[in-house]
């Protein structure tokens, strides 16, 4: 009998995405500290506070203004590329890797991670997920970013799994739950402080690792 496929999201499902953002800020702060009279710590703290106050977007423009550096499109783009291409200092939630190793015995593990492929690939490398997942997919690379149903349907078809042989696991009530509903695949949602519970989630877990205890009690 063929193994069921677990199609698993990455950001805020297996690790805290904010830690990637902060890691990117550190890379930018290190670069700017060499161009200004401000220290890396001061620049980093400014970006962290700006993120908390204003959310994402225009942070690099504001830190340049704060550092009294002339803002040019070239420099802003340079910072953006530095952020996107840096080697992130991030870690999986506690117990995730061990659970994935356990799940791999009974399931086909498929990572489906949305976002710029270079950023997502750097995350995968930093978290060493290429050594545990059977398949890794980057929807932006095949022109079907989440929440397009094809973001999850493409991997299924390429691997040769039917929707009835799959479960989608993620934190996002739109990007992950949407495709699951469209494809008729059960959706298991992982709690996230920044996202609502999806009405269509079949199972809801406070942490990814709670899946292990659930599976021990069922015949999934």
N, C-alpha and C. Protein backbone atom coordinates (compact mmCIF):
# COMPACT_ATOMS: atom_id res chain seq x y z
N UNK A 1 0.85 -1.20 0.00
CA UNK A 1 0.00 0.00 0.00
C UNK A 1 0.88 1.25 0.00
N UNK A 2 0.55 2.18 -0.88
CA UNK A 2 1.36 3.39 -1.00
C UNK A 2 1.18 4.30 0.21
N UNK A 3 2.29 4.93 0.62
CA UNK A 3 2.24 5.86 1.74
C UNK A 3 1.39 7.08 1.40
N UNK A 4 0.69 7.60 2.39
CA UNK A 4 0.02 8.88 2.23
C UNK A 4 1.07 9.98 2.15
N UNK A 5 0.72 11.06 1.48
CA UNK A 5 1.63 12.20 1.40
C UNK A 5 1.23 13.30 2.36
N UNK A 6 2.19 13.80 3.10
CA UNK A 6 1.98 14.98 3.93
C UNK A 6 2.60 16.16 3.22
N UNK A 7 1.75 17.07 2.74
CA UNK A 7 2.22 18.28 2.08
C UNK A 7 2.31 19.37 3.14
N UNK A 8 3.53 19.74 3.48
CA UNK A 8 3.77 20.58 4.65
C UNK A 8 4.31 21.95 4.27
N UNK A 9 3.72 22.98 4.85
CA UNK A 9 4.17 24.36 4.69
C UNK A 9 5.43 24.57 5.54
N UNK A 10 6.15 25.66 5.28
CA UNK A 10 7.38 25.93 6.03
C UNK A 10 7.24 27.09 7.02
N UNK A 11 7.03 28.30 6.52
CA UNK A 11 7.03 29.50 7.36
C UNK A 11 5.91 29.49 8.39
N UNK A 12 6.28 29.63 9.65
CA UNK A 12 5.36 29.63 10.79
C UNK A 12 4.66 28.30 11.01
N UNK A 13 5.10 27.28 10.29
CA UNK A 13 4.61 25.92 10.51
C UNK A 13 5.71 25.07 11.15
N UNK A 14 6.91 25.14 10.57
CA UNK A 14 8.04 24.37 11.09
C UNK A 14 9.03 25.23 11.87
N UNK A 15 9.00 26.53 11.63
CA UNK A 15 9.89 27.47 12.35
C UNK A 15 9.19 28.83 12.37
N UNK A 16 9.68 29.74 13.19
CA UNK A 16 9.08 31.08 13.30
C UNK A 16 9.63 31.99 12.21
N UNK A 17 8.76 32.42 11.30
CA UNK A 17 9.22 33.24 10.18
C UNK A 17 9.87 34.54 10.63
N UNK A 18 9.42 35.08 11.76
CA UNK A 18 9.99 36.34 12.23
C UNK A 18 11.49 36.22 12.47
N UNK A 19 11.94 35.02 12.83
CA UNK A 19 13.38 34.84 13.07
C UNK A 19 14.17 35.00 11.78
N UNK A 20 13.54 34.68 10.65
CA UNK A 20 14.20 34.91 9.36
C UNK A 20 14.31 36.40 9.09
N UNK A 21 13.24 37.12 9.37
CA UNK A 21 13.24 38.58 9.17
C UNK A 21 14.33 39.22 10.01
N UNK A 22 14.42 38.83 11.27
CA UNK A 22 15.43 39.41 12.17
C UNK A 22 16.84 39.04 11.72
N UNK A 23 17.00 37.83 11.21
CA UNK A 23 18.29 37.41 10.68
C UNK A 23 18.69 38.28 9.50
N UNK A 24 17.71 38.59 8.64
CA UNK A 24 17.97 39.47 7.50
C UNK A 24 18.33 40.87 7.94
N UNK A 25 17.67 41.36 8.98
CA UNK A 25 17.99 42.68 9.52
C UNK A 25 19.43 42.72 10.02
N UNK A 26 19.88 41.64 10.63
CA UNK A 26 21.26 41.60 11.12
C UNK A 26 22.25 41.70 9.97
N UNK A 27 21.95 41.01 8.87
CA UNK A 27 22.83 41.07 7.70
C UNK A 27 22.88 42.48 7.14
N UNK A 28 21.73 43.14 7.08
CA UNK A 28 21.67 44.51 6.58
C UNK A 28 22.39 45.46 7.53
N UNK A 29 22.21 45.27 8.83
CA UNK A 29 22.85 46.13 9.83
C UNK A 29 24.37 46.00 9.76
N UNK A 30 24.86 44.79 9.56
CA UNK A 30 26.30 44.58 9.44
C UNK A 30 26.87 45.34 8.25
N UNK A 31 26.12 45.32 7.16
CA UNK A 31 26.56 46.03 5.95
C UNK A 31 26.53 47.54 6.16
N UNK A 32 25.43 48.05 6.71
CA UNK A 32 25.28 49.50 6.87
C UNK A 32 26.24 50.07 7.91
N UNK A 33 26.61 49.28 8.90
CA UNK A 33 27.52 49.76 9.93
C UNK A 33 28.87 50.15 9.34
N UNK A 34 29.20 49.53 8.21
CA UNK A 34 30.47 49.84 7.55
C UNK A 34 30.35 51.09 6.67
N UNK A 35 29.11 51.52 6.43
CA UNK A 35 28.88 52.67 5.57
C UNK A 35 28.52 53.93 6.36
N UNK A 36 28.25 53.77 7.66
CA UNK A 36 27.79 54.89 8.47
C UNK A 36 28.59 54.98 9.78
N UNK A 37 28.25 55.97 10.58
CA UNK A 37 28.90 56.13 11.89
C UNK A 37 28.15 55.38 12.99
N UNK A 38 27.02 54.78 12.64
CA UNK A 38 26.22 54.06 13.63
C UNK A 38 26.66 52.60 13.74
N UNK A 39 26.50 52.04 14.92
CA UNK A 39 26.92 50.66 15.15
C UNK A 39 25.89 49.68 14.58
N UNK A 40 26.33 48.45 14.40
CA UNK A 40 25.44 47.39 13.93
C UNK A 40 24.26 47.21 14.88
N UNK A 41 24.53 47.29 16.19
CA UNK A 41 23.48 47.08 17.18
C UNK A 41 22.41 48.17 17.11
N UNK A 42 22.83 49.42 16.94
CA UNK A 42 21.89 50.54 16.86
C UNK A 42 21.02 50.42 15.61
N UNK A 43 21.63 50.08 14.50
CA UNK A 43 20.90 49.94 13.24
C UNK A 43 19.91 48.78 13.31
N UNK A 44 20.36 47.69 13.88
CA UNK A 44 19.50 46.51 14.02
C UNK A 44 18.30 46.83 14.92
N UNK A 45 18.57 47.45 16.05
CA UNK A 45 17.48 47.80 16.98
C UNK A 45 16.47 48.73 16.34
N UNK A 46 16.95 49.65 15.52
CA UNK A 46 16.03 50.56 14.83
C UNK A 46 15.09 49.78 13.91
N UNK A 47 15.64 48.84 13.14
CA UNK A 47 14.82 48.08 12.21
C UNK A 47 13.81 47.19 12.94
N UNK A 48 14.23 46.62 14.06
CA UNK A 48 13.32 45.79 14.85
C UNK A 48 12.16 46.64 15.38
N UNK A 49 12.47 47.81 15.89
CA UNK A 49 11.43 48.70 16.41
C UNK A 49 10.53 49.21 15.29
N UNK A 50 11.13 49.48 14.14
CA UNK A 50 10.35 49.95 13.00
C UNK A 50 9.38 48.87 12.53
N UNK A 51 9.84 47.63 12.53
CA UNK A 51 8.98 46.52 12.14
C UNK A 51 7.78 46.41 13.08
N UNK A 52 8.04 46.53 14.37
CA UNK A 52 6.97 46.44 15.37
C UNK A 52 5.97 47.58 15.22
N UNK A 53 6.47 48.75 14.85
CA UNK A 53 5.62 49.94 14.75
C UNK A 53 4.89 50.04 13.42
N UNK A 54 5.59 49.76 12.33
CA UNK A 54 5.04 50.01 11.00
C UNK A 54 4.78 48.77 10.16
N UNK A 55 5.21 47.61 10.62
CA UNK A 55 5.04 46.41 9.82
C UNK A 55 6.06 46.38 8.68
N UNK A 56 5.90 45.41 7.81
CA UNK A 56 6.86 45.25 6.71
C UNK A 56 6.65 46.31 5.64
N UNK A 57 7.73 46.62 4.95
CA UNK A 57 7.67 47.60 3.87
C UNK A 57 8.32 48.91 4.26
N UNK A 58 9.23 49.38 3.45
CA UNK A 58 9.90 50.67 3.63
C UNK A 58 10.86 50.71 4.82
N UNK A 59 11.10 49.58 5.45
CA UNK A 59 12.01 49.57 6.60
C UNK A 59 13.41 50.03 6.20
N UNK A 60 13.88 49.58 5.06
CA UNK A 60 15.24 49.93 4.64
C UNK A 60 15.34 51.42 4.30
N UNK A 61 14.30 51.98 3.71
CA UNK A 61 14.29 53.42 3.45
C UNK A 61 14.37 54.20 4.76
N UNK A 62 13.62 53.74 5.74
CA UNK A 62 13.60 54.45 7.02
C UNK A 62 14.91 54.32 7.79
N UNK A 63 15.55 53.15 7.71
CA UNK A 63 16.82 53.01 8.42
C UNK A 63 17.91 53.84 7.75
N UNK A 64 17.83 53.97 6.43
CA UNK A 64 18.79 54.82 5.72
C UNK A 64 18.59 56.28 6.12
N UNK A 65 17.34 56.68 6.21
CA UNK A 65 17.04 58.05 6.64
C UNK A 65 17.51 58.28 8.07
N UNK A 66 17.30 57.30 8.92
CA UNK A 66 17.73 57.38 10.32
C UNK A 66 19.25 57.50 10.42
N UNK A 67 19.95 56.79 9.54
CA UNK A 67 21.41 56.81 9.54
C UNK A 67 21.97 57.99 8.76
N UNK A 68 21.08 58.83 8.23
CA UNK A 68 21.46 60.01 7.46
C UNK A 68 22.31 59.64 6.24
N UNK A 69 21.84 58.60 5.56
CA UNK A 69 22.47 58.14 4.33
C UNK A 69 21.56 58.52 3.16
N UNK A 70 22.14 59.04 2.10
CA UNK A 70 21.34 59.42 0.93
C UNK A 70 20.64 58.19 0.37
N UNK A 71 19.32 58.30 0.23
CA UNK A 71 18.53 57.17 -0.26
C UNK A 71 18.51 57.18 -1.77
N UNK A 72 19.07 56.14 -2.35
CA UNK A 72 19.03 55.96 -3.80
C UNK A 72 18.38 54.61 -4.09
N UNK A 73 17.78 54.50 -5.25
CA UNK A 73 17.14 53.25 -5.63
C UNK A 73 18.16 52.12 -5.66
N UNK A 74 19.36 52.44 -6.12
CA UNK A 74 20.42 51.43 -6.20
C UNK A 74 20.76 50.88 -4.82
N UNK A 75 20.89 51.76 -3.84
CA UNK A 75 21.25 51.33 -2.49
C UNK A 75 20.12 50.53 -1.85
N UNK A 76 18.89 50.98 -2.03
CA UNK A 76 17.75 50.25 -1.47
C UNK A 76 17.68 48.85 -2.07
N UNK A 77 17.86 48.77 -3.38
CA UNK A 77 17.84 47.46 -4.04
C UNK A 77 19.00 46.58 -3.56
N UNK A 78 20.12 47.21 -3.28
CA UNK A 78 21.27 46.47 -2.76
C UNK A 78 20.94 45.85 -1.40
N UNK A 79 20.25 46.61 -0.56
CA UNK A 79 19.86 46.09 0.75
C UNK A 79 18.82 44.98 0.62
N UNK A 80 17.90 45.16 -0.30
CA UNK A 80 16.87 44.14 -0.53
C UNK A 80 17.50 42.83 -0.98
N UNK A 81 18.45 42.93 -1.91
CA UNK A 81 19.12 41.72 -2.40
C UNK A 81 19.96 41.08 -1.31
N UNK A 82 20.59 41.90 -0.48
CA UNK A 82 21.37 41.39 0.64
C UNK A 82 20.46 40.61 1.59
N UNK A 83 19.31 41.17 1.87
CA UNK A 83 18.32 40.53 2.74
C UNK A 83 17.86 39.21 2.14
N UNK A 84 17.53 39.23 0.87
CA UNK A 84 16.99 38.03 0.23
C UNK A 84 18.02 36.92 0.07
N UNK A 85 19.27 37.28 -0.08
CA UNK A 85 20.29 36.28 -0.37
C UNK A 85 21.14 35.88 0.83
N UNK A 86 20.89 36.48 1.99
CA UNK A 86 21.74 36.16 3.14
C UNK A 86 21.51 34.72 3.62
N UNK A 87 22.51 34.19 4.30
CA UNK A 87 22.40 32.85 4.88
C UNK A 87 21.75 33.00 6.26
N UNK A 88 20.51 32.60 6.40
CA UNK A 88 19.76 32.89 7.62
C UNK A 88 20.21 32.10 8.85
N UNK A 89 20.13 32.76 9.97
CA UNK A 89 20.38 32.13 11.27
C UNK A 89 19.03 31.82 11.89
N UNK A 90 18.49 30.65 11.58
CA UNK A 90 17.15 30.26 12.01
C UNK A 90 17.18 28.82 12.51
N UNK A 91 16.14 28.42 13.22
CA UNK A 91 16.08 27.06 13.76
C UNK A 91 14.63 26.57 13.77
N UNK A 92 14.46 25.27 13.60
CA UNK A 92 13.14 24.66 13.67
C UNK A 92 12.58 24.79 15.08
N UNK A 93 11.26 24.76 15.20
CA UNK A 93 10.65 24.68 16.51
C UNK A 93 11.15 23.41 17.20
N UNK A 94 11.20 23.43 18.50
CA UNK A 94 11.67 22.27 19.27
C UNK A 94 10.90 21.00 18.91
N UNK A 95 11.64 19.94 18.66
CA UNK A 95 11.04 18.64 18.41
C UNK A 95 10.58 18.38 16.99
N UNK A 96 10.65 19.39 16.13
CA UNK A 96 10.14 19.24 14.76
C UNK A 96 10.95 18.24 13.96
N UNK A 97 12.27 18.36 13.99
CA UNK A 97 13.10 17.47 13.16
C UNK A 97 12.90 16.01 13.57
N UNK A 98 12.85 15.77 14.88
CA UNK A 98 12.66 14.41 15.37
C UNK A 98 11.31 13.85 14.94
N UNK A 99 10.28 14.70 14.97
CA UNK A 99 8.96 14.24 14.54
C UNK A 99 8.95 13.95 13.05
N UNK A 100 9.61 14.79 12.26
CA UNK A 100 9.68 14.55 10.82
C UNK A 100 10.36 13.21 10.53
N UNK A 101 11.41 12.91 11.26
CA UNK A 101 12.09 11.62 11.08
C UNK A 101 11.13 10.47 11.38
N UNK A 102 10.32 10.65 12.40
CA UNK A 102 9.34 9.62 12.77
C UNK A 102 8.25 9.50 11.70
N UNK A 103 7.75 10.63 11.23
CA UNK A 103 6.69 10.63 10.22
C UNK A 103 7.16 10.03 8.91
N UNK A 104 8.42 10.20 8.60
CA UNK A 104 8.99 9.73 7.33
C UNK A 104 8.86 8.21 7.17
N UNK A 105 8.77 7.51 8.28
CA UNK A 105 8.64 6.06 8.23
C UNK A 105 7.29 5.66 7.62
N UNK A 106 6.26 6.42 7.91
CA UNK A 106 4.90 6.06 7.49
C UNK A 106 4.31 6.93 6.39
N UNK A 107 4.92 8.09 6.16
CA UNK A 107 4.38 9.03 5.18
C UNK A 107 5.46 9.49 4.19
N UNK A 108 5.01 9.92 3.02
CA UNK A 108 5.88 10.62 2.09
C UNK A 108 5.86 12.10 2.48
N UNK A 109 7.01 12.65 2.80
CA UNK A 109 7.09 14.04 3.26
C UNK A 109 7.36 14.98 2.10
N UNK A 110 6.46 15.94 1.92
CA UNK A 110 6.54 16.87 0.79
C UNK A 110 6.49 18.29 1.33
N UNK A 111 7.55 19.04 1.15
CA UNK A 111 7.58 20.44 1.59
C UNK A 111 7.10 21.32 0.45
N UNK A 112 6.12 22.18 0.72
CA UNK A 112 5.60 23.12 -0.28
C UNK A 112 5.71 24.50 0.33
N UNK A 113 6.74 25.25 -0.09
CA UNK A 113 7.04 26.52 0.57
C UNK A 113 6.97 27.69 -0.39
N UNK A 114 6.13 28.66 -0.04
CA UNK A 114 5.84 29.81 -0.89
C UNK A 114 6.83 30.94 -0.65
N UNK A 115 7.05 31.74 -1.69
CA UNK A 115 7.96 32.87 -1.59
C UNK A 115 9.04 32.80 -2.65
N UNK A 116 9.89 33.82 -2.70
CA UNK A 116 10.98 33.81 -3.67
C UNK A 116 11.83 32.56 -3.47
N UNK A 117 12.05 31.78 -4.53
CA UNK A 117 12.79 30.53 -4.39
C UNK A 117 14.15 30.68 -3.73
N UNK A 118 14.89 31.75 -4.03
CA UNK A 118 16.21 31.90 -3.43
C UNK A 118 16.11 32.04 -1.92
N UNK A 119 15.11 32.76 -1.45
CA UNK A 119 14.91 32.91 0.00
C UNK A 119 14.51 31.60 0.64
N UNK A 120 13.56 30.91 0.00
CA UNK A 120 13.08 29.66 0.57
C UNK A 120 14.16 28.58 0.53
N UNK A 121 14.95 28.57 -0.53
CA UNK A 121 16.04 27.60 -0.62
C UNK A 121 17.08 27.82 0.47
N UNK A 122 17.34 29.09 0.76
CA UNK A 122 18.30 29.40 1.83
C UNK A 122 17.76 28.96 3.19
N UNK A 123 16.45 29.09 3.38
CA UNK A 123 15.83 28.63 4.63
C UNK A 123 15.94 27.10 4.74
N UNK A 124 15.62 26.43 3.65
CA UNK A 124 15.68 24.96 3.63
C UNK A 124 17.09 24.48 3.95
N UNK A 125 18.08 25.14 3.36
CA UNK A 125 19.47 24.76 3.61
C UNK A 125 19.86 25.00 5.06
N UNK A 126 19.48 26.17 5.58
CA UNK A 126 19.83 26.51 6.97
C UNK A 126 19.19 25.54 7.96
N UNK A 127 17.99 25.07 7.64
CA UNK A 127 17.26 24.16 8.53
C UNK A 127 17.56 22.69 8.24
N UNK A 128 18.38 22.45 7.20
CA UNK A 128 18.79 21.10 6.80
C UNK A 128 17.59 20.21 6.46
N UNK A 129 16.59 20.80 5.85
CA UNK A 129 15.37 20.06 5.53
C UNK A 129 15.52 19.18 4.29
N UNK A 130 16.54 19.47 3.48
CA UNK A 130 16.74 18.64 2.29
C UNK A 130 17.12 17.22 2.66
N UNK A 131 17.56 17.02 3.90
CA UNK A 131 17.98 15.68 4.33
C UNK A 131 16.82 14.85 4.89
N UNK A 132 15.68 15.47 5.12
CA UNK A 132 14.56 14.76 5.74
C UNK A 132 13.34 14.66 4.83
N UNK A 133 13.10 15.68 3.99
CA UNK A 133 11.93 15.64 3.11
C UNK A 133 12.21 14.81 1.87
N UNK A 134 11.19 14.07 1.44
CA UNK A 134 11.32 13.26 0.22
C UNK A 134 11.25 14.14 -1.02
N UNK A 135 10.47 15.20 -0.95
CA UNK A 135 10.30 16.12 -2.08
C UNK A 135 10.18 17.55 -1.54
N UNK A 136 10.73 18.51 -2.27
CA UNK A 136 10.62 19.92 -1.89
C UNK A 136 10.17 20.72 -3.11
N UNK A 137 9.12 21.52 -2.92
CA UNK A 137 8.56 22.30 -4.03
C UNK A 137 8.47 23.78 -3.66
N UNK A 138 8.76 24.61 -4.67
CA UNK A 138 8.71 26.06 -4.53
C UNK A 138 7.69 26.59 -5.54
N UNK A 139 6.44 26.82 -5.12
CA UNK A 139 5.37 27.20 -6.05
C UNK A 139 5.69 28.38 -6.96
N UNK A 140 6.48 29.35 -6.46
CA UNK A 140 6.81 30.48 -7.32
C UNK A 140 7.63 30.04 -8.53
N UNK A 141 8.36 28.96 -8.39
CA UNK A 141 9.22 28.51 -9.48
C UNK A 141 8.42 27.85 -10.59
N UNK A 142 7.21 27.36 -10.27
CA UNK A 142 6.37 26.80 -11.33
C UNK A 142 5.12 27.66 -11.56
N UNK A 143 5.26 28.95 -11.22
CA UNK A 143 4.30 29.99 -11.59
C UNK A 143 2.90 29.80 -10.99
N UNK A 144 2.83 29.14 -9.85
CA UNK A 144 1.54 28.97 -9.19
C UNK A 144 1.69 29.23 -7.70
N UNK A 145 1.94 30.50 -7.31
CA UNK A 145 2.10 30.81 -5.89
C UNK A 145 0.82 30.52 -5.11
N UNK A 146 0.97 30.22 -3.85
CA UNK A 146 -0.20 30.05 -2.99
C UNK A 146 -0.99 31.35 -2.95
N UNK A 147 -2.31 31.31 -2.91
CA UNK A 147 -3.17 30.16 -2.65
C UNK A 147 -3.73 29.47 -3.90
N UNK A 148 -3.06 29.57 -5.03
CA UNK A 148 -3.53 28.86 -6.22
C UNK A 148 -3.59 27.36 -5.92
N UNK A 149 -4.68 26.70 -6.28
CA UNK A 149 -4.77 25.25 -6.03
C UNK A 149 -3.60 24.48 -6.64
N UNK A 150 -3.08 25.00 -7.76
CA UNK A 150 -1.97 24.32 -8.43
C UNK A 150 -0.70 24.30 -7.58
N UNK A 151 -0.62 25.19 -6.59
CA UNK A 151 0.57 25.22 -5.74
C UNK A 151 0.76 23.88 -5.05
N UNK A 152 -0.36 23.23 -4.72
CA UNK A 152 -0.31 21.91 -4.09
C UNK A 152 -0.64 20.78 -5.07
N UNK A 153 -1.44 21.09 -6.09
CA UNK A 153 -1.83 20.06 -7.05
C UNK A 153 -0.66 19.63 -7.92
N UNK A 154 0.21 20.58 -8.26
CA UNK A 154 1.38 20.25 -9.10
C UNK A 154 2.26 19.18 -8.44
N UNK A 155 2.64 19.33 -7.17
CA UNK A 155 3.44 18.28 -6.53
C UNK A 155 2.72 16.93 -6.50
N UNK A 156 1.41 16.94 -6.22
CA UNK A 156 0.66 15.69 -6.18
C UNK A 156 0.75 14.95 -7.51
N UNK A 157 0.50 15.68 -8.59
CA UNK A 157 0.52 15.06 -9.91
C UNK A 157 1.91 14.58 -10.28
N UNK A 158 2.93 15.36 -9.95
CA UNK A 158 4.30 14.96 -10.30
C UNK A 158 4.73 13.72 -9.52
N UNK A 159 4.31 13.63 -8.27
CA UNK A 159 4.68 12.48 -7.44
C UNK A 159 3.78 11.28 -7.73
N UNK A 160 2.56 11.56 -8.20
CA UNK A 160 1.63 10.48 -8.51
C UNK A 160 0.70 10.13 -7.37
N UNK A 161 0.32 11.13 -6.58
CA UNK A 161 -0.60 10.93 -5.47
C UNK A 161 -1.96 11.55 -5.80
N UNK A 162 -3.02 10.91 -5.33
CA UNK A 162 -4.36 11.45 -5.47
C UNK A 162 -4.68 12.31 -4.24
N UNK A 163 -5.62 13.25 -4.37
CA UNK A 163 -6.02 14.05 -3.21
C UNK A 163 -6.43 13.19 -2.01
N UNK A 164 -7.02 12.04 -2.28
CA UNK A 164 -7.44 11.15 -1.19
C UNK A 164 -6.26 10.51 -0.48
N UNK A 165 -5.08 10.64 -1.06
CA UNK A 165 -3.87 10.06 -0.47
C UNK A 165 -3.00 11.13 0.19
N UNK A 166 -3.59 12.30 0.43
CA UNK A 166 -2.77 13.42 0.92
C UNK A 166 -3.44 14.16 2.07
N UNK A 167 -2.61 14.87 2.82
CA UNK A 167 -3.04 15.79 3.87
C UNK A 167 -2.18 17.04 3.75
N UNK A 168 -2.80 18.21 3.81
CA UNK A 168 -2.06 19.47 3.78
C UNK A 168 -1.94 20.00 5.21
N UNK A 169 -0.71 20.35 5.60
CA UNK A 169 -0.46 20.86 6.94
C UNK A 169 0.19 22.23 6.84
N UNK A 170 -0.42 23.23 7.45
CA UNK A 170 0.13 24.58 7.39
C UNK A 170 -0.55 25.48 8.40
N UNK A 171 -0.09 26.72 8.45
CA UNK A 171 -0.64 27.67 9.43
C UNK A 171 -1.61 28.66 8.82
N UNK A 172 -1.60 28.78 7.49
CA UNK A 172 -2.30 29.90 6.85
C UNK A 172 -3.72 29.53 6.42
N UNK A 173 -4.74 30.27 6.92
CA UNK A 173 -6.13 29.97 6.60
C UNK A 173 -6.52 30.32 5.16
N UNK A 174 -5.62 30.99 4.46
CA UNK A 174 -5.88 31.32 3.06
C UNK A 174 -4.94 30.52 2.15
N UNK A 175 -3.64 30.71 2.34
CA UNK A 175 -2.66 30.11 1.44
C UNK A 175 -2.61 28.59 1.50
N UNK A 176 -2.90 28.03 2.66
CA UNK A 176 -2.86 26.57 2.80
C UNK A 176 -4.26 25.96 2.81
N UNK A 177 -5.17 26.58 3.55
CA UNK A 177 -6.53 26.05 3.64
C UNK A 177 -7.28 26.19 2.31
N UNK A 178 -7.01 27.29 1.59
CA UNK A 178 -7.70 27.52 0.31
C UNK A 178 -7.46 26.42 -0.70
N UNK A 179 -6.20 26.11 -1.01
CA UNK A 179 -5.92 25.01 -1.94
C UNK A 179 -6.47 23.67 -1.46
N UNK A 180 -6.38 23.43 -0.14
CA UNK A 180 -6.89 22.17 0.40
C UNK A 180 -8.38 22.02 0.11
N UNK A 181 -9.14 23.08 0.33
CA UNK A 181 -10.58 23.04 0.06
C UNK A 181 -10.85 22.84 -1.42
N UNK A 182 -10.11 23.56 -2.27
CA UNK A 182 -10.32 23.47 -3.71
C UNK A 182 -10.02 22.07 -4.25
N UNK A 183 -9.05 21.40 -3.65
CA UNK A 183 -8.62 20.09 -4.13
C UNK A 183 -9.29 18.94 -3.40
N UNK A 184 -10.06 19.26 -2.35
CA UNK A 184 -10.71 18.20 -1.59
C UNK A 184 -9.75 17.41 -0.72
N UNK A 185 -8.73 18.10 -0.20
CA UNK A 185 -7.72 17.47 0.64
C UNK A 185 -7.92 17.92 2.09
N UNK A 186 -7.85 17.02 3.06
CA UNK A 186 -7.96 17.43 4.46
C UNK A 186 -6.88 18.45 4.82
N UNK A 187 -7.27 19.45 5.61
CA UNK A 187 -6.32 20.48 6.04
C UNK A 187 -6.15 20.44 7.54
N UNK A 188 -4.91 20.27 7.97
CA UNK A 188 -4.57 20.31 9.38
C UNK A 188 -3.85 21.62 9.63
N UNK A 189 -4.42 22.44 10.49
CA UNK A 189 -3.84 23.77 10.72
C UNK A 189 -2.99 23.81 11.98
N UNK A 190 -1.84 24.48 11.84
CA UNK A 190 -0.95 24.73 12.97
C UNK A 190 -1.22 26.14 13.47
N UNK A 191 -1.40 26.29 14.77
CA UNK A 191 -1.70 27.59 15.36
C UNK A 191 -0.60 28.61 15.06
N UNK A 192 -1.03 29.82 14.73
CA UNK A 192 -0.12 30.95 14.54
C UNK A 192 -0.74 32.16 15.23
N UNK A 193 0.06 32.91 15.97
CA UNK A 193 -0.46 34.07 16.69
C UNK A 193 -1.00 35.15 15.77
N UNK A 194 -0.53 35.15 14.52
CA UNK A 194 -0.91 36.22 13.60
C UNK A 194 -2.01 35.82 12.62
N UNK A 195 -2.51 34.58 12.72
CA UNK A 195 -3.49 34.12 11.74
C UNK A 195 -4.70 33.48 12.41
N UNK A 196 -5.86 33.63 11.77
CA UNK A 196 -7.10 33.08 12.30
C UNK A 196 -7.21 31.59 12.01
N UNK A 197 -8.05 30.94 12.76
CA UNK A 197 -8.32 29.53 12.51
C UNK A 197 -9.22 29.40 11.29
N UNK A 198 -8.85 28.52 10.38
CA UNK A 198 -9.63 28.32 9.16
C UNK A 198 -10.90 27.54 9.48
N UNK A 199 -12.01 27.97 8.90
CA UNK A 199 -13.28 27.27 9.13
C UNK A 199 -13.23 25.85 8.57
N UNK A 200 -12.38 25.66 7.56
CA UNK A 200 -12.34 24.36 6.89
C UNK A 200 -11.28 23.41 7.43
N UNK A 201 -10.57 23.81 8.48
CA UNK A 201 -9.52 22.91 8.98
C UNK A 201 -10.16 21.70 9.66
N UNK A 202 -9.66 20.53 9.31
CA UNK A 202 -10.19 19.28 9.87
C UNK A 202 -9.62 19.03 11.26
N UNK A 203 -8.34 19.39 11.43
CA UNK A 203 -7.68 19.26 12.72
C UNK A 203 -6.93 20.56 13.01
N UNK A 204 -6.86 20.92 14.30
CA UNK A 204 -6.16 22.15 14.69
C UNK A 204 -5.20 21.80 15.81
N UNK A 205 -3.93 22.16 15.60
CA UNK A 205 -2.88 21.84 16.57
C UNK A 205 -2.19 23.12 17.04
N UNK A 206 -1.90 23.19 18.32
CA UNK A 206 -1.19 24.35 18.85
C UNK A 206 0.25 24.39 18.35
N UNK A 207 0.84 23.21 18.15
CA UNK A 207 2.21 23.11 17.65
C UNK A 207 2.30 21.97 16.66
N UNK A 208 3.26 22.06 15.75
CA UNK A 208 3.45 20.99 14.77
C UNK A 208 3.71 19.66 15.46
N UNK A 209 4.45 19.70 16.55
CA UNK A 209 4.81 18.45 17.23
C UNK A 209 3.61 17.75 17.87
N UNK A 210 2.51 18.47 18.06
CA UNK A 210 1.30 17.83 18.61
C UNK A 210 0.72 16.80 17.65
N UNK A 211 1.12 16.88 16.39
CA UNK A 211 0.64 15.92 15.40
C UNK A 211 1.09 14.51 15.78
N UNK A 212 2.28 14.41 16.34
CA UNK A 212 2.80 13.10 16.72
C UNK A 212 1.91 12.38 17.71
N UNK A 213 1.49 13.09 18.75
CA UNK A 213 0.62 12.50 19.77
C UNK A 213 -0.73 12.12 19.18
N UNK A 214 -1.24 12.97 18.27
CA UNK A 214 -2.53 12.67 17.64
C UNK A 214 -2.45 11.39 16.81
N UNK A 215 -1.40 11.26 16.02
CA UNK A 215 -1.27 10.09 15.15
C UNK A 215 -1.10 8.80 15.93
N UNK A 216 -0.51 8.89 17.10
CA UNK A 216 -0.35 7.70 17.93
C UNK A 216 -1.69 7.18 18.44
N UNK A 217 -2.68 8.07 18.47
CA UNK A 217 -4.00 7.69 18.99
C UNK A 217 -4.98 7.32 17.88
N UNK A 218 -4.57 7.49 16.63
CA UNK A 218 -5.48 7.24 15.50
C UNK A 218 -4.83 6.30 14.50
N UNK A 219 -5.59 6.03 13.44
CA UNK A 219 -5.08 5.17 12.37
C UNK A 219 -4.86 5.95 11.09
N UNK A 220 -4.56 7.25 11.19
CA UNK A 220 -4.36 8.08 10.00
C UNK A 220 -3.20 7.50 9.16
